[in-house]
C-alpha atoms as a PDB file:
ATOM      1  CA  MET A   1     -34.690 -70.407  80.010  1.00  0.00           C
ATOM      2  CA  ALA A   2     -31.245 -69.128  78.986  1.00  0.00           C
ATOM      3  CA  GLU A   3     -29.270 -71.225  76.549  1.00  0.00           C
ATOM      4  CA  ASN A   4     -26.052 -72.675  77.955  1.00  0.00           C
ATOM      5  CA  ASN A   5     -23.498 -72.444  75.198  1.00  0.00           C
ATOM      6  CA  PRO A   6     -20.225 -74.013  76.412  1.00  0.00           C
ATOM      7  CA  GLN A   7     -18.226 -72.143  73.781  1.00  0.00           C
ATOM      8  CA  THR A   8     -19.111 -68.784  75.300  1.00  0.00           C
ATOM      9  CA  ASN A   9     -19.981 -69.616  78.915  1.00  0.00           C
ATOM     10  CA  ILE A  10     -16.853 -71.505  80.032  1.00  0.00           C
ATOM     11  CA  LYS A  11     -13.194 -70.561  80.407  1.00  0.00           C
ATOM     12  CA  ASP A  12     -10.811 -73.347  81.360  1.00  0.00           C
ATOM     13  CA  GLY A  13      -7.314 -73.394  82.734  1.00  0.00           C
ATOM     14  CA  GLN A  14      -4.766 -75.782  84.179  1.00  0.00           C
ATOM     15  CA  ALA A  15      -4.354 -74.918  87.866  1.00  0.00           C
ATOM     16  CA  ILE A  16      -1.802 -77.637  88.681  1.00  0.00           C
ATOM     17  CA  ALA A  17      -0.124 -79.595  85.899  1.00  0.00           C
ATOM     18  CA  THR A  18      -0.704 -83.341  86.003  1.00  0.00           C
ATOM     19  CA  ALA A  19       2.409 -85.011  87.430  1.00  0.00           C
ATOM     20  CA  ALA A  20       3.593 -87.404  90.158  1.00  0.00           C
ATOM     21  CA  TYR A  21       4.316 -85.048  93.062  1.00  0.00           C
ATOM     22  CA  ALA A  22       6.854 -85.830  95.791  1.00  0.00           C
ATOM     23  CA  ALA A  23       6.830 -82.261  97.121  1.00  0.00           C
ATOM     24  CA  THR A  24       4.333 -79.483  97.788  1.00  0.00           C
ATOM     25  CA  ASN A  25       3.231 -77.643  94.633  1.00  0.00           C
ATOM     26  CA  THR A  26       2.272 -73.980  94.838  1.00  0.00           C
ATOM     27  CA  PRO A  27       1.845 -72.184  91.501  1.00  0.00           C
ATOM     28  CA  SER A  28       3.334 -68.693  91.471  1.00  0.00           C
ATOM     29  CA  THR A  29       0.305 -67.074  89.842  1.00  0.00           C
ATOM     30  CA  GLY A  30      -3.455 -67.328  89.948  1.00  0.00           C
ATOM     31  CA  GLN A  31      -6.062 -67.538  87.221  1.00  0.00           C
ATOM     32  CA  ASP A  32      -8.244 -64.580  86.377  1.00  0.00           C
ATOM     33  CA  SER A  33     -11.876 -65.085  87.419  1.00  0.00           C
ATOM     34  CA  LEU A  34     -13.037 -61.612  86.359  1.00  0.00           C
ATOM     35  CA  GLY A  35     -16.588 -61.686  85.028  1.00  0.00           C
ATOM     36  CA  PHE A  36     -17.385 -65.279  86.007  1.00  0.00           C
ATOM     37  CA  SER A  37     -19.821 -66.261  88.756  1.00  0.00           C
ATOM     38  CA  GLU A  38     -18.858 -69.889  89.428  1.00  0.00           C
ATOM     39  CA  LEU A  39     -15.802 -72.134  89.430  1.00  0.00           C
ATOM     40  CA  LEU A  40     -15.798 -75.870  88.831  1.00  0.00           C
ATOM     41  CA  VAL A  41     -12.643 -77.509  90.188  1.00  0.00           C
ATOM     42  CA  SER A  42     -11.735 -80.892  88.702  1.00  0.00           C
ATOM     43  CA  ILE A  43      -9.007 -82.942  90.414  1.00  0.00           C
ATOM     44  CA  ASN A  44      -7.724 -86.031  88.627  1.00  0.00           C
ATOM     45  CA  VAL A  45      -5.923 -88.458  90.924  1.00  0.00           C
ATOM     46  CA  GLY A  46      -3.759 -91.369  89.802  1.00  0.00           C
ATOM     47  CA  THR A  47      -2.352 -94.178  91.939  1.00  0.00           C
ATOM     48  CA  CYS A  48      -0.822 -92.795  95.144  1.00  0.00           C
ATOM     49  CA  VAL A  49       2.340 -94.667  96.126  1.00  0.00           C
ATOM     50  CA  GLY A  50       3.312 -95.630  99.675  1.00  0.00           C
ATOM     51  CA  ALA A  51       2.140 -93.450 102.549  1.00  0.00           C
ATOM     52  CA  ALA A  52       2.046 -90.326 100.387  1.00  0.00           C
ATOM     53  CA  SER A  53      -0.941 -88.019 100.638  1.00  0.00           C
ATOM     54  CA  GLY A  54      -1.922 -84.685  99.203  1.00  0.00           C
ATOM     55  CA  LEU A  55      -4.345 -81.914 100.106  1.00  0.00           C
ATOM     56  CA  ILE A  56      -5.747 -79.607  97.442  1.00  0.00           C
ATOM     57  CA  ARG A  57      -6.766 -76.141  98.649  1.00  0.00           C
ATOM     58  CA  LEU A  58      -8.058 -73.019  96.906  1.00  0.00           C
ATOM     59  CA  GLN A  59      -6.432 -69.630  97.440  1.00  0.00           C
ATOM     60  CA  GLU A  60      -7.273 -66.087  96.310  1.00  0.00           C
ATOM     61  CA  SER A  61      -5.546 -62.735  95.821  1.00  0.00           C
ATOM     62  CA  SER A  62      -6.316 -59.389  94.200  1.00  0.00           C
ATOM     63  CA  ALA A  63      -2.934 -59.600  92.385  1.00  0.00           C
ATOM     64  CA  VAL A  64      -2.095 -62.262  89.777  1.00  0.00           C
ATOM     65  CA  ASP A  65       1.230 -63.034  91.493  1.00  0.00           C
ATOM     66  CA  GLY A  66       0.165 -62.255  95.064  1.00  0.00           C
ATOM     67  CA  SER A  67       2.318 -59.118  95.199  1.00  0.00           C
ATOM     68  CA  GLY A  68       0.901 -56.628  97.700  1.00  0.00           C
ATOM     69  CA  ASP A  69      -1.859 -59.097  98.567  1.00  0.00           C
ATOM     70  CA  ALA A  70      -0.508 -62.549  99.444  1.00  0.00           C
ATOM     71  CA  PHE A  71      -2.582 -65.518  98.356  1.00  0.00           C
ATOM     72  CA  ALA A  72      -4.811 -66.659 101.223  1.00  0.00           C
ATOM     73  CA  THR A  73      -6.517 -70.035 101.606  1.00  0.00           C
ATOM     74  CA  TRP A  74     -10.316 -69.955 101.491  1.00  0.00           C
ATOM     75  CA  THR A  75     -12.093 -71.226 104.566  1.00  0.00           C
ATOM     76  CA  ASN A  76     -13.532 -74.705 103.903  1.00  0.00           C
ATOM     77  CA  SER A  77     -11.737 -75.010 100.548  1.00  0.00           C
ATOM     78  CA  THR A  78      -9.744 -78.170 101.310  1.00  0.00           C
ATOM     79  CA  PHE A  79     -10.769 -81.153  99.192  1.00  0.00           C
ATOM     80  CA  THR A  80     -10.760 -84.747 100.457  1.00  0.00           C
ATOM     81  CA  ALA A  81      -7.205 -85.947 101.110  1.00  0.00           C
ATOM     82  CA  LEU A  82      -5.623 -87.799  98.187  1.00  0.00           C
ATOM     83  CA  THR A  83      -4.292 -91.107  99.567  1.00  0.00           C
ATOM     84  CA  THR A  84      -3.890 -94.782  98.643  1.00  0.00           C
ATOM     85  CA  SER A  85      -7.357 -95.432 100.071  1.00  0.00           C
ATOM     86  CA  ASN A  86      -9.176 -93.011  97.735  1.00  0.00           C
ATOM     87  CA  HIS A  87      -7.000 -92.691  94.645  1.00  0.00           C
ATOM     88  CA  GLN A  88      -7.697 -93.361  90.963  1.00  0.00           C
ATOM     89  CA  LYS A  89     -10.689 -91.078  90.748  1.00  0.00           C
ATOM     90  CA  CYS A  90     -11.855 -87.672  89.701  1.00  0.00           C
ATOM     91  CA  VAL A  91     -12.926 -85.304  92.478  1.00  0.00           C
ATOM     92  CA  ARG A  92     -14.981 -82.218  91.634  1.00  0.00           C
ATOM     93  CA  GLY A  93     -16.186 -79.194  93.525  1.00  0.00           C
ATOM     94  CA  ARG A  94     -18.242 -76.192  92.471  1.00  0.00           C
ATOM     95  CA  VAL A  95     -17.923 -72.835  94.215  1.00  0.00           C
ATOM     96  CA  LYS A  96     -19.570 -69.446  93.874  1.00  0.00           C
ATOM     97  CA  LEU A  97     -17.158 -66.619  93.062  1.00  0.00           C
ATOM     98  CA  GLU A  98     -19.310 -63.754  94.319  1.00  0.00           C
ATOM     99  CA  GLY A  99     -17.383 -61.822  96.961  1.00  0.00           C
ATOM    100  CA  ARG A 100     -14.095 -63.549  96.061  1.00  0.00           C
ATOM    101  CA  LYS A 101     -10.890 -61.858  94.972  1.00  0.00           C
ATOM    102  CA  ARG A 102     -10.046 -61.777  91.267  1.00  0.00           C
ATOM    103  CA  TYR A 103      -7.191 -64.329  91.053  1.00  0.00           C
ATOM    104  CA  ILE A 104      -7.691 -67.940  92.108  1.00  0.00           C
ATOM    105  CA  ARG A 105      -5.144 -70.744  92.393  1.00  0.00           C
ATOM    106  CA  ALA A 106      -4.998 -74.294  93.721  1.00  0.00           C
ATOM    107  CA  THR A 107      -2.186 -75.669  95.859  1.00  0.00           C
ATOM    108  CA  LEU A 108      -1.180 -79.252  96.569  1.00  0.00           C
ATOM    109  CA  THR A 109       0.283 -79.844 100.036  1.00  0.00           C
ATOM    110  CA  TYR A 110       2.329 -83.067  99.968  1.00  0.00           C
ATOM    111  CA  THR A 111       3.062 -85.443 102.830  1.00  0.00           C
ATOM    112  CA  GLY A 112       5.438 -88.360 102.272  1.00  0.00           C
ATOM    113  CA  ASN A 113       9.111 -89.306 102.171  1.00  0.00           C
ATOM    114  CA  GLY A 114       9.854 -87.000  99.215  1.00  0.00           C
ATOM    115  CA  THR A 115      11.396 -89.694  97.045  1.00  0.00           C
ATOM    116  CA  THR A 116       9.543 -92.968  96.404  1.00  0.00           C
ATOM    117  CA  GLU A 117       6.141 -91.934  97.802  1.00  0.00           C
ATOM    118  CA  VAL A 118       4.218 -89.869  95.256  1.00  0.00           C
ATOM    119  CA  VAL A 119       0.808 -88.309  94.686  1.00  0.00           C
ATOM    120  CA  PRO A 120      -0.054 -88.252  90.970  1.00  0.00           C
ATOM    121  CA  ALA A 121      -2.608 -85.515  90.436  1.00  0.00           C
ATOM    122  CA  GLY A 122      -3.648 -82.579  88.318  1.00  0.00           C
ATOM    123  CA  VAL A 123      -6.170 -79.770  88.822  1.00  0.00           C
ATOM    124  CA  THR A 124      -8.248 -78.048  86.142  1.00  0.00           C
ATOM    125  CA  PHE A 125     -10.381 -74.936  86.639  1.00  0.00           C
ATOM    126  CA  LEU A 126     -13.559 -74.298  84.652  1.00  0.00           C
ATOM    127  CA  PHE A 127     -14.871 -70.760  85.118  1.00  0.00           C
ATOM    128  CA  LEU A 128     -18.623 -70.713  84.454  1.00  0.00           C
ATOM    129  CA  ASN A 129     -21.446 -68.285  83.718  1.00  0.00           C
ATOM    130  CA  PRO A 130     -19.811 -65.022  82.680  1.00  0.00           C
ATOM    131  CA  ALA A 131     -21.885 -61.889  83.138  1.00  0.00           C
ATOM    132  CA  ASP A 132     -20.553 -60.706  79.763  1.00  0.00           C
ATOM    133  CA  THR A 133     -20.169 -63.419  77.124  1.00  0.00           C
ATOM    134  CA  ALA A 134     -17.630 -61.209  75.328  1.00  0.00           C
ATOM    135  CA  GLN A 135     -15.324 -62.022  78.273  1.00  0.00           C
ATOM    136  CA  TYR A 136     -14.242 -65.230  76.567  1.00  0.00           C
ATOM    137  CA  THR A 137     -13.683 -65.794  72.862  1.00  0.00           C
ATOM    138  CA  PRO A 138     -13.626 -69.485  71.892  1.00  0.00           C
ATOM    139  CA  GLN A 139     -10.886 -70.921  69.730  1.00  0.00           C
ATOM    140  CA  THR A 140     -11.929 -72.768  66.595  1.00  0.00           C
ATOM    141  CA  TYR A 141     -10.312 -76.042  65.679  1.00  0.00           C
ATOM    142  CA  ASP A 142     -10.360 -77.972  62.424  1.00  0.00           C
ATOM    143  CA  VAL A 143     -10.974 -81.588  63.442  1.00  0.00           C
ATOM    144  CA  ASN A 144     -10.065 -82.711  59.934  1.00  0.00           C
ATOM    145  CA  ALA A 145      -6.592 -81.126  59.994  1.00  0.00           C
END
């Protein structure tokens, strides 16, 4: 059985910064998935206000900024709607990256009045199982500093 060393087998990245959104959020660039075989998507949802709701979707492109190859939404990549009836939780999904384009991003599509109704959320990507463990070099931290 292969040893799973999280320092060499995981690359993380913030896909959507945690904030209270009152508008659709579409990052301008994607995250590089080169060399990784799986993606764990972690969505942290706060307290939705009013009738606001949000949909998180995954998109892919062969270009980091979508130039020459616009980001396209994956089929069946929409997570459960973020609303007042299912807020204050963490939603996770795990997807295989085989056959996917190199750059991946998440989008948040907002529905609400754009002022007082908000969807507080953030999305983190964890890229898993690199074919080449030299793909990711862990940072060392001094916990006593």
